[in-house]
Amino acid sequence: MRGARLCRASILVTAMLFAGCTWQSPRTVAQNYLTALEQRQYEQCYLMLTEVDREAYPRERFLTAVPLTQDVTRRWFWPVLKATDFDLGEPQGQGLRRIVPVKVKAPDLARLERTINAMIGLDADPVPAARHALSSGDFPALSYLDDIVLVKEHHRWRVRADFPARERAADLRRHALDSYYGGSYAQAVGYYRDAITALDRSEATGGWGLKYLYGRELHEIETIVAQRAVALAYDDKLKLSDIGMRMSAAGRPAIFGKIANNGDRPVDSVRMNVTFYQGHGADRRDVFVEQHVPIATPLQFSDFSLRALPLMPGETRNFGFELKAPIDTQRSADPYVTVSDVVLTQPDLMPSTESGARTKGASPTARATAGDNED
């Protein structure tokens, strides 16, 4: 009987711990959420959400957008979360709403990805090295402030996630990245600003962290836009050689060649034009132009699915791409390849050259604002 009573008491204590009971303070509820998160008790995290949040997102979808975590696939969710530190502050606010600040120190995933690729090269598998870096704490890090937002619901403090707003912001960010990779930089900036505005209007758990992370990417693109004249002048530093047209592995006409970075800046992206010309002398004219991006270093973390490695000064790299021009054009016209656009690597995204964990981000005493990028 005594064992049964102890068992029932243990179950009762566990239930009270995560239920957000009336007597629990906002800070206790926030700490319970973080404890459940760090102990991989995601079901308990889900049960601590508001009724509106649970109605908006079933458990399965919750696991793809857990508040206070970075936007990664399930493959990297736990390794990244395990490498993240949370430091809870004191609740602020009054009435039926409380905001509990959280200092977050997390892996700088975009920079880690570039660092791992720089360390192992283009042809090796980055996953084992990345897992080792995350488990050992040997990674570049970001420090920023986030929030746990609590609302009182049926006399209990509940965690507010506002998944619809988070989803809207994520969609806008995807549009921003698509625009960036398509060369529409001003459009990308607009999408990022809209994403951050959507999070601003929400005031939900994890919102400040997402605004900080989106703001870093926005800052990178704004800097790229500001440096367009410098980047365009850098075209002359990129030399093409051994250009030839032959069949790809898939049996389609393709252009192959080499590109050398003869300048002093790393290059994230190179866009090339292939212009088809017909005729000779004064009658020579272009009949078709197509664009390709043979070198494209992802701005965001790509889950190590892409080779995130800029073209470094002094480096020569092979490239190749299949042609898109109509077959008749390819047969009757001569292709001419030129560099049409360059994106220079921003200092914040340079691969780390030192060992050990490094921190970059907001001051621990001031809230990180969208677009901030402090050293």
Protein backbone atom coordinates (compact mmCIF):
# COMPACT_ATOMS: atom_id res chain seq x y z
CA MET A 1 0.00 0.00 0.00
CA ARG A 2 2.80 2.40 0.88
CA GLY A 3 4.40 1.78 -2.55
CA ALA A 4 1.08 2.44 -4.29
CA ARG A 5 0.64 5.71 -2.36
CA LEU A 6 4.16 6.80 -3.31
CA CYS A 7 3.46 5.98 -6.96
CA ARG A 8 0.22 7.98 -6.93
CA ALA A 9 2.01 10.88 -5.20
CA SER A 10 4.76 10.85 -7.83
CA ILE A 11 2.20 10.93 -10.64
CA LEU A 12 0.37 13.80 -8.93
CA VAL A 13 3.57 15.84 -8.50
CA THR A 14 4.51 15.32 -12.17
CA ALA A 15 1.04 16.31 -13.33
CA MET A 16 1.07 19.44 -11.18
CA LEU A 17 4.54 20.33 -12.40
CA PHE A 18 3.49 20.63 -16.01
CA ALA A 19 -0.16 21.56 -15.72
CA GLY A 20 0.42 25.26 -15.01
CA CYS A 21 -1.68 25.09 -11.83
CA THR A 22 -3.17 28.18 -10.26
CA TRP A 23 -0.59 28.40 -7.49
CA GLN A 24 2.40 28.27 -9.82
CA SER A 25 4.10 31.58 -10.52
CA PRO A 26 4.76 32.74 -14.11
CA ARG A 27 8.48 32.14 -13.61
CA THR A 28 7.86 28.59 -12.41
CA VAL A 29 5.68 27.84 -15.42
CA ALA A 30 8.34 29.28 -17.74
CA GLN A 31 11.01 27.19 -16.02
CA ASN A 32 8.83 24.09 -16.33
CA TYR A 33 8.53 24.69 -20.07
CA LEU A 34 12.30 25.02 -20.45
CA THR A 35 12.88 21.93 -18.30
CA ALA A 36 10.50 19.87 -20.41
CA LEU A 37 12.14 21.19 -23.57
CA GLU A 38 15.66 20.34 -22.39
CA GLN A 39 14.53 16.88 -21.25
CA ARG A 40 12.92 16.14 -24.63
CA GLN A 41 9.47 15.97 -23.05
CA TYR A 42 7.82 17.68 -26.00
CA GLU A 43 4.40 16.30 -25.12
CA GLN A 44 4.56 18.21 -21.85
CA CYS A 45 5.62 21.37 -23.69
CA TYR A 46 2.61 20.96 -25.96
CA LEU A 47 0.22 20.51 -23.04
CA MET A 48 1.44 23.78 -21.52
CA LEU A 49 0.30 25.78 -24.54
CA THR A 50 -2.91 27.81 -24.66
CA GLU A 51 -6.07 26.14 -25.91
CA VAL A 52 -6.02 28.37 -28.99
CA ASP A 53 -2.50 27.22 -29.87
CA ARG A 54 -3.37 23.55 -29.39
CA GLU A 55 -6.46 23.94 -31.56
CA ALA A 56 -4.39 25.66 -34.27
CA TYR A 57 -1.60 23.06 -34.27
CA PRO A 58 -1.91 19.34 -33.56
CA ARG A 59 0.98 17.63 -31.79
CA GLU A 60 2.58 16.50 -35.04
CA ARG A 61 2.83 20.04 -36.42
CA PHE A 62 4.00 21.38 -33.06
CA LEU A 63 7.15 19.29 -33.38
CA THR A 64 8.07 21.22 -36.56
CA ALA A 65 7.74 24.64 -34.91
CA VAL A 66 8.58 24.32 -31.20
CA PRO A 67 8.81 27.84 -29.66
CA LEU A 68 12.32 28.92 -28.53
CA THR A 69 14.04 26.51 -30.94
CA GLN A 70 15.78 27.23 -34.24
CA ASP A 71 14.15 26.37 -37.56
CA VAL A 72 15.86 23.07 -38.42
CA THR A 73 14.74 19.66 -39.63
CA ARG A 74 14.14 16.79 -37.23
CA ARG A 75 17.56 15.39 -38.08
CA TRP A 76 19.26 18.34 -36.38
CA PHE A 77 16.58 19.40 -33.91
CA TRP A 78 17.92 17.56 -30.86
CA PRO A 79 21.67 18.09 -31.51
CA VAL A 80 21.06 21.83 -31.92
CA LEU A 81 18.71 22.04 -28.93
CA LYS A 82 21.17 20.12 -26.75
CA ALA A 83 23.89 22.62 -27.67
CA THR A 84 21.63 25.58 -26.75
CA ASP A 85 21.71 27.23 -23.31
CA PHE A 86 18.76 29.08 -21.76
CA ASP A 87 19.02 31.54 -18.84
CA LEU A 88 15.64 32.58 -17.46
CA GLY A 89 15.00 36.13 -16.24
CA GLU A 90 12.32 37.68 -14.04
CA PRO A 91 8.72 38.04 -15.27
CA GLN A 92 7.50 41.40 -16.49
CA GLY A 93 3.99 42.76 -16.97
CA GLN A 94 0.74 42.60 -15.04
CA GLY A 95 -2.82 41.39 -15.29
CA LEU A 96 -3.49 38.33 -17.43
CA ARG A 97 -0.20 38.50 -19.37
CA ARG A 98 3.41 38.01 -18.31
CA ILE A 99 6.61 38.10 -20.34
CA VAL A 100 9.55 36.10 -19.02
CA PRO A 101 12.84 37.06 -20.73
CA VAL A 102 15.25 34.30 -21.69
CA LYS A 103 18.91 34.74 -22.57
CA VAL A 104 19.74 32.27 -25.32
CA LYS A 105 23.16 31.08 -26.41
CA ALA A 106 22.79 28.88 -29.49
CA PRO A 107 24.92 27.55 -32.34
CA ASP A 108 25.40 29.99 -35.20
CA LEU A 109 24.26 27.38 -37.71
CA ALA A 110 24.90 29.27 -40.94
CA ARG A 111 28.46 30.03 -39.90
CA LEU A 112 29.00 26.54 -38.48
CA GLU A 113 27.93 25.04 -41.80
CA ARG A 114 30.48 27.15 -43.66
CA THR A 115 33.17 26.35 -41.08
CA ILE A 116 32.61 22.59 -41.35
CA ASN A 117 32.69 22.71 -45.15
CA ALA A 118 35.86 24.81 -45.12
CA MET A 119 37.47 22.31 -42.76
CA ILE A 120 36.64 19.13 -44.68
CA GLY A 121 36.44 20.39 -48.28
CA LEU A 122 33.78 20.18 -50.95
CA ASP A 123 33.77 16.41 -51.45
CA ALA A 124 33.63 15.04 -47.88
CA ASP A 125 30.51 14.30 -45.82
CA PRO A 126 30.01 17.19 -43.34
CA VAL A 127 27.51 15.40 -41.08
CA PRO A 128 29.94 13.52 -38.76
CA ALA A 129 32.07 16.63 -38.26
CA ALA A 130 28.97 18.74 -37.58
CA ARG A 131 27.63 16.28 -35.01
CA HIS A 132 30.99 16.22 -33.27
CA ALA A 133 31.18 20.03 -33.22
CA LEU A 134 27.71 20.36 -31.70
CA SER A 135 28.27 17.64 -29.08
CA SER A 136 31.69 18.97 -28.05
CA GLY A 137 30.69 22.64 -27.95
CA ASP A 138 33.27 23.56 -30.59
CA PHE A 139 31.12 25.86 -32.70
CA PRO A 140 30.55 29.56 -33.37
CA ALA A 141 27.66 30.78 -31.24
CA LEU A 142 25.02 33.48 -31.12
CA SER A 143 23.75 35.17 -27.96
CA TYR A 144 20.43 36.99 -27.95
CA LEU A 145 17.33 37.64 -25.85
CA ASP A 146 14.06 35.86 -26.37
CA ASP A 147 10.76 35.71 -24.48
CA ILE A 148 8.35 33.21 -22.99
CA VAL A 149 4.92 34.85 -23.21
CA LEU A 150 2.34 33.61 -20.70
CA VAL A 151 -1.38 34.30 -20.55
CA LYS A 152 -3.76 33.29 -17.79
CA GLU A 153 -6.36 30.83 -19.05
CA HIS A 154 -8.89 29.19 -16.70
CA HIS A 155 -6.83 30.38 -13.71
CA ARG A 156 -3.64 28.81 -15.09
CA TRP A 157 -0.65 30.34 -16.79
CA ARG A 158 -0.27 29.02 -20.32
CA VAL A 159 2.45 29.47 -22.93
CA ARG A 160 1.37 31.52 -25.95
CA ALA A 161 2.89 30.40 -29.26
CA ASP A 162 0.66 32.04 -31.94
CA PHE A 163 1.54 29.46 -34.61
CA PRO A 164 -0.37 31.23 -37.41
CA ALA A 165 1.82 34.36 -37.03
CA ARG A 166 4.96 32.24 -36.84
CA GLU A 167 3.88 30.39 -39.98
CA ARG A 168 3.16 33.63 -41.85
CA ALA A 169 6.60 34.93 -40.94
CA ALA A 170 8.25 31.69 -42.05
CA ASP A 171 6.44 31.84 -45.41
CA LEU A 172 7.56 35.42 -45.94
CA ARG A 173 11.13 34.43 -45.11
CA ARG A 174 10.96 31.63 -47.70
CA HIS A 175 9.80 34.17 -50.28
CA ALA A 176 12.67 36.43 -49.22
CA LEU A 177 15.25 33.69 -49.70
CA ASP A 178 13.77 32.73 -53.08
CA SER A 179 14.01 36.38 -54.16
CA TYR A 180 17.58 36.63 -52.92
CA TYR A 181 18.73 33.55 -54.81
CA GLY A 182 16.89 34.83 -57.88
CA GLY A 183 18.88 38.08 -57.75
CA SER A 184 15.92 40.25 -56.66
CA TYR A 185 17.61 41.74 -53.62
CA ALA A 186 15.25 44.67 -53.03
CA GLN A 187 12.30 42.28 -53.11
CA ALA A 188 14.08 40.01 -50.62
CA VAL A 189 14.56 42.95 -48.25
CA GLY A 190 10.84 43.75 -48.48
CA TYR A 191 9.82 40.19 -47.65
CA TYR A 192 12.15 40.06 -44.66
CA ARG A 193 10.77 43.31 -43.29
CA ASP A 194 7.23 41.97 -43.67
CA ALA A 195 8.23 38.77 -41.84
CA ILE A 196 9.66 40.75 -38.94
CA THR A 197 6.56 42.96 -38.84
CA ALA A 198 4.35 39.86 -38.61
CA LEU A 199 6.35 38.69 -35.59
CA ASP A 200 6.26 42.18 -34.05
CA ARG A 201 2.47 42.19 -34.14
CA SER A 202 2.21 38.76 -32.56
CA GLU A 203 4.04 38.99 -29.20
CA ALA A 204 4.40 35.26 -28.64
CA THR A 205 6.94 32.85 -27.21
CA GLY A 206 10.05 32.64 -29.36
CA GLY A 207 9.11 35.69 -31.41
CA TRP A 208 12.05 37.83 -30.35
CA GLY A 209 14.48 35.03 -31.19
CA LEU A 210 13.02 34.59 -34.67
CA LYS A 211 13.12 38.36 -35.23
CA TYR A 212 16.78 38.36 -34.27
CA LEU A 213 17.64 35.45 -36.58
CA TYR A 214 15.60 36.86 -39.48
CA GLY A 215 17.10 40.26 -38.77
CA ARG A 216 20.62 38.88 -39.20
CA GLU A 217 19.75 37.56 -42.64
CA LEU A 218 18.06 40.86 -43.51
CA HIS A 219 21.19 42.72 -42.42
CA GLU A 220 23.35 40.54 -44.67
CA ILE A 221 21.18 41.27 -47.71
CA GLU A 222 20.97 45.00 -46.94
CA THR A 223 24.77 45.06 -46.80
CA ILE A 224 24.94 43.18 -50.11
CA VAL A 225 22.64 45.79 -51.66
CA ALA A 226 24.79 48.61 -50.27
CA GLN A 227 27.90 47.00 -51.77
CA ARG A 228 26.51 46.44 -55.27
CA ALA A 229 28.98 48.84 -56.90
CA VAL A 230 31.92 47.13 -55.19
CA ALA A 231 30.62 43.68 -56.14
CA LEU A 232 30.08 44.61 -59.78
CA ALA A 233 33.61 46.00 -59.98
CA TYR A 234 34.86 42.70 -58.56
CA ASP A 235 33.75 40.95 -61.78
CA ASP A 236 37.17 41.76 -63.22
CA LYS A 237 38.82 39.70 -60.46
CA LEU A 238 37.05 36.52 -61.58
CA LYS A 239 38.70 34.80 -64.50
CA LEU A 240 37.03 32.11 -66.59
CA SER A 241 39.08 29.47 -68.39
CA ASP A 242 38.80 26.11 -70.16
CA ILE A 243 35.25 26.94 -71.23
CA GLY A 244 33.78 24.20 -73.37
CA MET A 245 30.47 22.75 -74.44
CA ARG A 246 29.82 19.02 -74.10
CA MET A 247 27.20 16.57 -72.87
CA SER A 248 26.38 16.36 -69.18
CA ALA A 249 26.11 13.09 -67.26
CA ALA A 250 22.37 13.19 -68.06
CA GLY A 251 23.10 13.41 -71.79
CA ARG A 252 22.13 17.07 -72.22
CA PRO A 253 24.20 19.90 -73.74
CA ALA A 254 26.13 21.70 -71.02
CA ILE A 255 28.85 24.28 -70.42
CA PHE A 256 31.89 23.31 -68.36
CA GLY A 257 34.86 25.38 -67.28
CA LYS A 258 36.91 26.82 -64.44
CA ILE A 259 36.58 30.04 -62.46
CA ALA A 260 39.45 31.62 -60.51
CA ASN A 261 39.13 34.24 -57.78
CA ASN A 262 42.12 36.50 -58.39
CA GLY A 263 40.98 39.16 -55.93
CA ASP A 264 41.20 39.54 -52.15
CA ARG A 265 37.54 38.94 -51.20
CA PRO A 266 35.68 35.65 -50.74
CA VAL A 267 32.70 35.27 -53.08
CA ASP A 268 29.36 33.79 -52.03
CA SER A 269 27.61 33.76 -55.37
CA VAL A 270 28.49 34.04 -59.05
CA ARG A 271 25.82 34.52 -61.70
CA MET A 272 26.78 33.90 -65.32
CA ASN A 273 25.19 34.84 -68.62
CA VAL A 274 25.38 32.54 -71.60
CA THR A 275 24.76 34.66 -74.70
CA PHE A 276 24.21 32.92 -78.04
CA TYR A 277 25.44 34.85 -81.08
CA GLN A 278 24.71 34.35 -84.75
CA GLY A 279 26.39 35.92 -87.77
CA HIS A 280 29.79 37.47 -88.32
CA GLY A 281 31.30 40.93 -88.21
CA ALA A 282 28.76 43.72 -88.50
CA ASP A 283 25.95 41.18 -88.81
CA ARG A 284 26.78 39.46 -85.55
CA ARG A 285 23.90 39.66 -83.06
CA ASP A 286 22.72 37.96 -79.90
CA VAL A 287 19.68 35.72 -80.31
CA PHE A 288 19.28 34.19 -76.86
CA VAL A 289 20.51 34.86 -73.30
CA GLU A 290 20.21 32.53 -70.31
CA GLN A 291 21.42 32.86 -66.73
CA HIS A 292 23.03 30.32 -64.41
CA VAL A 293 24.40 30.40 -60.86
CA PRO A 294 27.22 27.83 -60.76
CA ILE A 295 28.45 29.09 -57.38
CA ALA A 296 25.76 29.72 -54.77
CA THR A 297 26.63 29.63 -51.08
CA PRO A 298 23.43 29.46 -48.99
CA LEU A 299 22.75 32.51 -46.85
CA GLN A 300 20.82 30.46 -44.31
CA PHE A 301 21.56 27.11 -42.65
CA SER A 302 20.80 24.37 -45.18
CA ASP A 303 20.90 21.36 -42.82
CA PHE A 304 24.26 20.45 -44.43
CA SER A 305 22.35 19.50 -47.58
CA LEU A 306 24.30 22.04 -49.68
CA ARG A 307 28.00 22.79 -49.87
CA ALA A 308 28.25 26.11 -48.04
CA LEU A 309 31.71 27.23 -49.06
CA PRO A 310 32.55 30.61 -50.65
CA LEU A 311 35.02 30.88 -53.53
CA MET A 312 38.09 32.00 -51.62
CA PRO A 313 40.82 34.38 -52.83
CA GLY A 314 43.34 32.47 -54.93
CA GLU A 315 40.99 29.50 -55.40
CA THR A 316 40.13 27.98 -58.76
CA ARG A 317 36.98 25.87 -58.95
CA ASN A 318 35.42 23.74 -61.68
CA PHE A 319 31.85 24.48 -62.68
CA GLY A 320 29.26 23.13 -65.06
CA PHE A 321 25.61 23.62 -65.94
CA GLU A 322 23.15 22.35 -68.52
CA LEU A 323 21.98 24.77 -71.20
CA LYS A 324 18.38 25.94 -71.50
CA ALA A 325 18.38 27.46 -74.99
CA PRO A 326 16.27 25.80 -77.71
CA ILE A 327 18.13 23.04 -79.53
CA ASP A 328 17.97 24.94 -82.83
CA THR A 329 19.67 27.91 -81.15
CA GLN A 330 22.36 25.72 -79.65
CA ARG A 331 23.07 24.24 -83.08
CA SER A 332 23.12 27.47 -85.05
CA ALA A 333 24.60 29.96 -82.58
CA ASP A 334 27.84 30.31 -80.64
CA PRO A 335 27.62 30.50 -76.82
CA TYR A 336 29.67 33.12 -74.96
CA VAL A 337 29.97 32.93 -71.15
CA THR A 338 30.44 36.01 -68.95
CA VAL A 339 30.15 36.81 -65.24
CA SER A 340 27.09 39.02 -64.80
CA ASP A 341 26.67 39.29 -61.02
CA VAL A 342 28.75 38.68 -57.89
CA VAL A 343 27.79 38.51 -54.20
CA LEU A 344 30.75 39.08 -51.90
CA THR A 345 30.90 37.11 -48.66
CA GLN A 346 29.96 39.21 -45.65
CA PRO A 347 32.38 39.16 -42.68
CA ASP A 348 29.72 37.76 -40.32
CA LEU A 349 29.40 34.68 -42.53
CA MET A 350 33.09 33.97 -42.94
CA PRO A 351 34.01 30.46 -41.76
CA SER A 352 35.53 30.42 -38.28
CA THR A 353 39.27 29.90 -38.30
CA GLU A 354 39.77 29.42 -34.57
CA SER A 355 38.86 26.36 -32.52
CA GLY A 356 36.54 26.49 -29.56
CA ALA A 357 33.10 28.01 -29.12
CA ARG A 358 32.79 31.64 -30.16
CA THR A 359 29.96 33.99 -29.39
CA LYS A 360 28.55 36.65 -31.68
CA GLY A 361 25.30 38.51 -31.25
CA ALA A 362 23.40 40.81 -28.97
CA SER A 363 24.62 42.12 -25.66
CA PRO A 364 23.24 40.05 -22.75
CA THR A 365 21.98 43.24 -21.13
CA ALA A 366 20.05 44.65 -24.08
CA ARG A 367 17.26 43.18 -26.15
CA ALA A 368 18.34 42.13 -29.65
CA THR A 369 16.45 44.12 -32.25
CA ALA A 370 15.64 43.04 -35.79
CA GLY A 371 18.56 43.86 -38.03
CA ASP A 372 21.11 44.26 -35.19
CA ASN A 373 24.45 42.61 -35.80
CA GLU A 374 26.74 43.42 -32.94
CA ASP A 375 30.32 42.23 -32.53
